[in-house]
């Protein structure tokens, strides 16, 4: 794990983003391949919004990822880490898991979607923490990763 952290801390920013996007896309595909019934359908309100391409793009590609990165990565990780430091526990594991749990719970479209969102939340949170170690703007990097992930189905809808 230390080698992976060291690599991700040193790698070019574009490769860093690409690796995280790839990791999330792989997790999405693995979840769909699980033997139990997987329903990752979005609620009708969001499906209906897809007809309004510009509104959908602004909400799902820009506003959503920026809002969620600020709440679920920045605030939860920063606040929980500060509380843990006061308790003499300087680990980032608990803040990462708290971030992922809240991220998953916020995507309560159905249980399968929440499970998928939890795992994606783990990746976003770890990207945030490693971005901090890289001394780069963690909010912007995680926002970029999140926006690219949300952009994939948007592009699929346009192409297909």
Protein backbone atom coordinates (compact mmCIF):
# COMPACT_ATOMS: atom_id res chain seq x y z
CA UNK A 1 0.00 0.00 0.00
CA UNK A 2 2.89 2.35 0.71
CA UNK A 3 4.20 1.85 -2.83
CA UNK A 4 0.82 2.73 -4.31
CA UNK A 5 0.59 5.85 -2.13
CA UNK A 6 4.12 6.86 -3.09
CA UNK A 7 3.36 6.34 -6.78
CA UNK A 8 0.08 8.29 -6.63
CA UNK A 9 1.79 11.10 -4.75
CA UNK A 10 4.46 11.49 -7.46
CA UNK A 11 2.61 10.70 -10.69
CA UNK A 12 1.63 13.41 -13.20
CA UNK A 13 -1.72 15.01 -12.37
CA UNK A 14 -3.37 13.86 -15.60
CA UNK A 15 -2.30 10.27 -14.99
CA UNK A 16 -3.51 10.63 -11.39
CA UNK A 17 -6.99 11.67 -12.57
CA UNK A 18 -7.05 9.01 -15.31
CA UNK A 19 -6.13 6.23 -12.86
CA UNK A 20 -8.92 7.21 -10.47
CA UNK A 21 -11.46 7.46 -13.28
CA UNK A 22 -10.37 4.04 -14.53
CA UNK A 23 -10.64 2.55 -11.02
CA UNK A 24 -14.22 3.81 -10.68
CA UNK A 25 -15.22 2.55 -14.13
CA UNK A 26 -13.83 -0.89 -13.25
CA UNK A 27 -15.75 -0.95 -9.95
CA UNK A 28 -18.95 0.03 -11.76
CA UNK A 29 -18.49 -2.87 -14.19
CA UNK A 30 -17.62 -5.35 -11.42
CA UNK A 31 -20.72 -4.41 -9.41
CA UNK A 32 -22.91 -5.01 -12.47
CA UNK A 33 -21.30 -8.46 -12.94
CA UNK A 34 -22.10 -9.58 -9.40
CA UNK A 35 -24.31 -12.69 -9.23
CA UNK A 36 -27.13 -11.02 -7.30
CA UNK A 37 -29.74 -8.85 -8.96
CA UNK A 38 -28.26 -5.41 -9.54
CA UNK A 39 -30.50 -2.48 -10.31
CA UNK A 40 -28.52 0.71 -10.84
CA UNK A 41 -31.40 2.58 -12.46
CA UNK A 42 -31.75 6.24 -11.61
CA UNK A 43 -35.05 7.62 -10.30
CA UNK A 44 -37.59 8.95 -12.79
CA UNK A 45 -36.92 12.58 -11.79
CA UNK A 46 -33.33 12.30 -12.96
CA UNK A 47 -34.26 10.27 -16.05
CA UNK A 48 -36.78 12.96 -17.01
CA UNK A 49 -34.13 15.64 -16.58
CA UNK A 50 -31.98 13.84 -19.15
CA UNK A 51 -34.33 15.18 -21.83
CA UNK A 52 -33.20 18.68 -20.93
CA UNK A 53 -29.57 18.19 -22.04
CA UNK A 54 -28.21 21.57 -20.92
CA UNK A 55 -29.90 21.47 -17.49
CA UNK A 56 -28.83 17.85 -17.05
CA UNK A 57 -25.24 18.68 -18.00
CA UNK A 58 -25.05 21.63 -15.60
CA UNK A 59 -26.63 19.72 -12.73
CA UNK A 60 -24.95 16.32 -13.12
CA UNK A 61 -21.55 17.30 -14.53
CA UNK A 62 -20.87 20.61 -12.74
CA UNK A 63 -23.13 21.41 -9.78
CA UNK A 64 -23.52 17.88 -8.38
CA UNK A 65 -19.83 16.93 -8.35
CA UNK A 66 -18.77 20.33 -6.96
CA UNK A 67 -21.40 20.24 -4.21
CA UNK A 68 -20.73 16.60 -3.33
CA UNK A 69 -16.94 17.06 -3.31
CA UNK A 70 -17.30 20.04 -0.99
CA UNK A 71 -19.66 18.25 1.41
CA UNK A 72 -18.57 14.62 1.32
CA UNK A 73 -14.84 14.94 0.81
CA UNK A 74 -13.73 18.39 1.96
CA UNK A 75 -15.99 19.00 4.96
CA UNK A 76 -16.38 15.45 6.26
CA UNK A 77 -12.71 14.53 5.87
CA UNK A 78 -11.39 17.83 7.24
CA UNK A 79 -13.78 17.98 10.23
CA UNK A 80 -13.46 14.32 11.20
CA UNK A 81 -9.67 14.46 10.84
CA UNK A 82 -9.48 17.54 13.10
CA UNK A 83 -11.61 15.76 15.71
CA UNK A 84 -9.42 12.67 15.53
CA UNK A 85 -6.24 14.73 15.89
CA UNK A 86 -7.67 16.17 19.11
CA UNK A 87 -8.23 12.59 20.28
CA UNK A 88 -4.61 11.77 19.40
CA UNK A 89 -5.64 9.55 16.49
CA UNK A 90 -3.96 10.95 13.39
CA UNK A 91 -5.17 8.31 10.91
CA UNK A 92 -7.01 9.15 7.70
CA UNK A 93 -8.77 5.76 7.54
CA UNK A 94 -11.78 6.81 9.63
CA UNK A 95 -12.32 10.11 7.74
CA UNK A 96 -12.12 8.22 4.42
CA UNK A 97 -14.70 5.67 5.57
CA UNK A 98 -16.99 8.35 7.02
CA UNK A 99 -16.82 10.25 3.75
CA UNK A 100 -17.67 7.10 1.76
CA UNK A 101 -20.53 6.14 4.09
CA UNK A 102 -22.17 9.56 3.82
CA UNK A 103 -21.55 9.65 0.06
CA UNK A 104 -23.21 6.25 -0.30
CA UNK A 105 -26.16 7.20 1.90
CA UNK A 106 -26.74 10.36 -0.12
CA UNK A 107 -27.26 8.24 -3.25
CA UNK A 108 -30.30 6.46 -1.85
CA UNK A 109 -31.98 5.67 -5.18
CA UNK A 110 -31.89 1.97 -4.25
CA UNK A 111 -29.72 -0.33 -2.14
CA UNK A 112 -27.49 -1.43 -5.02
CA UNK A 113 -26.83 2.16 -6.02
CA UNK A 114 -25.95 3.04 -2.42
CA UNK A 115 -23.45 0.15 -2.26
CA UNK A 116 -21.87 1.25 -5.53
CA UNK A 117 -21.79 4.87 -4.32
CA UNK A 118 -20.07 3.76 -1.10
CA UNK A 119 -17.23 2.13 -3.07
CA UNK A 120 -16.98 5.13 -5.39
CA UNK A 121 -16.97 7.32 -2.27
CA UNK A 122 -13.98 5.37 -0.97
CA UNK A 123 -12.13 6.16 -4.19
CA UNK A 124 -13.11 9.84 -4.13
CA UNK A 125 -12.07 10.14 -0.48
CA UNK A 126 -8.72 8.44 -1.06
CA UNK A 127 -8.13 10.69 -4.08
CA UNK A 128 -8.90 13.69 -1.87
CA UNK A 129 -6.45 12.60 0.85
CA UNK A 130 -3.69 11.80 -1.64
CA UNK A 131 -4.31 15.14 -3.38
CA UNK A 132 -3.69 16.84 -0.05
CA UNK A 133 -0.39 14.96 0.24
CA UNK A 134 0.44 16.07 -3.30
CA UNK A 135 -0.12 19.66 -2.10
CA UNK A 136 -2.59 20.24 -4.92
CA UNK A 137 -6.13 21.55 -4.83
CA UNK A 138 -7.89 18.40 -3.64
CA UNK A 139 -11.37 19.81 -4.26
CA UNK A 140 -10.57 20.55 -7.92
CA UNK A 141 -8.92 17.16 -8.52
CA UNK A 142 -11.77 15.15 -6.98
CA UNK A 143 -14.31 17.38 -8.73
CA UNK A 144 -12.57 16.63 -12.05
CA UNK A 145 -12.62 12.87 -11.38
CA UNK A 146 -16.28 13.00 -10.30
CA UNK A 147 -17.32 15.14 -13.27
CA UNK A 148 -15.61 12.76 -15.69
CA UNK A 149 -17.37 9.76 -14.15
CA UNK A 150 -20.72 11.53 -14.47
CA UNK A 151 -19.85 12.57 -18.01
CA UNK A 152 -19.59 8.95 -19.22
CA UNK A 153 -23.34 8.15 -19.16
CA UNK A 154 -24.08 11.64 -20.49
CA UNK A 155 -21.89 10.95 -23.53
CA UNK A 156 -23.34 7.45 -23.92
CA UNK A 157 -26.86 8.92 -24.10
CA UNK A 158 -25.80 11.39 -26.78
CA UNK A 159 -23.96 8.78 -28.85
CA UNK A 160 -26.53 6.00 -28.47
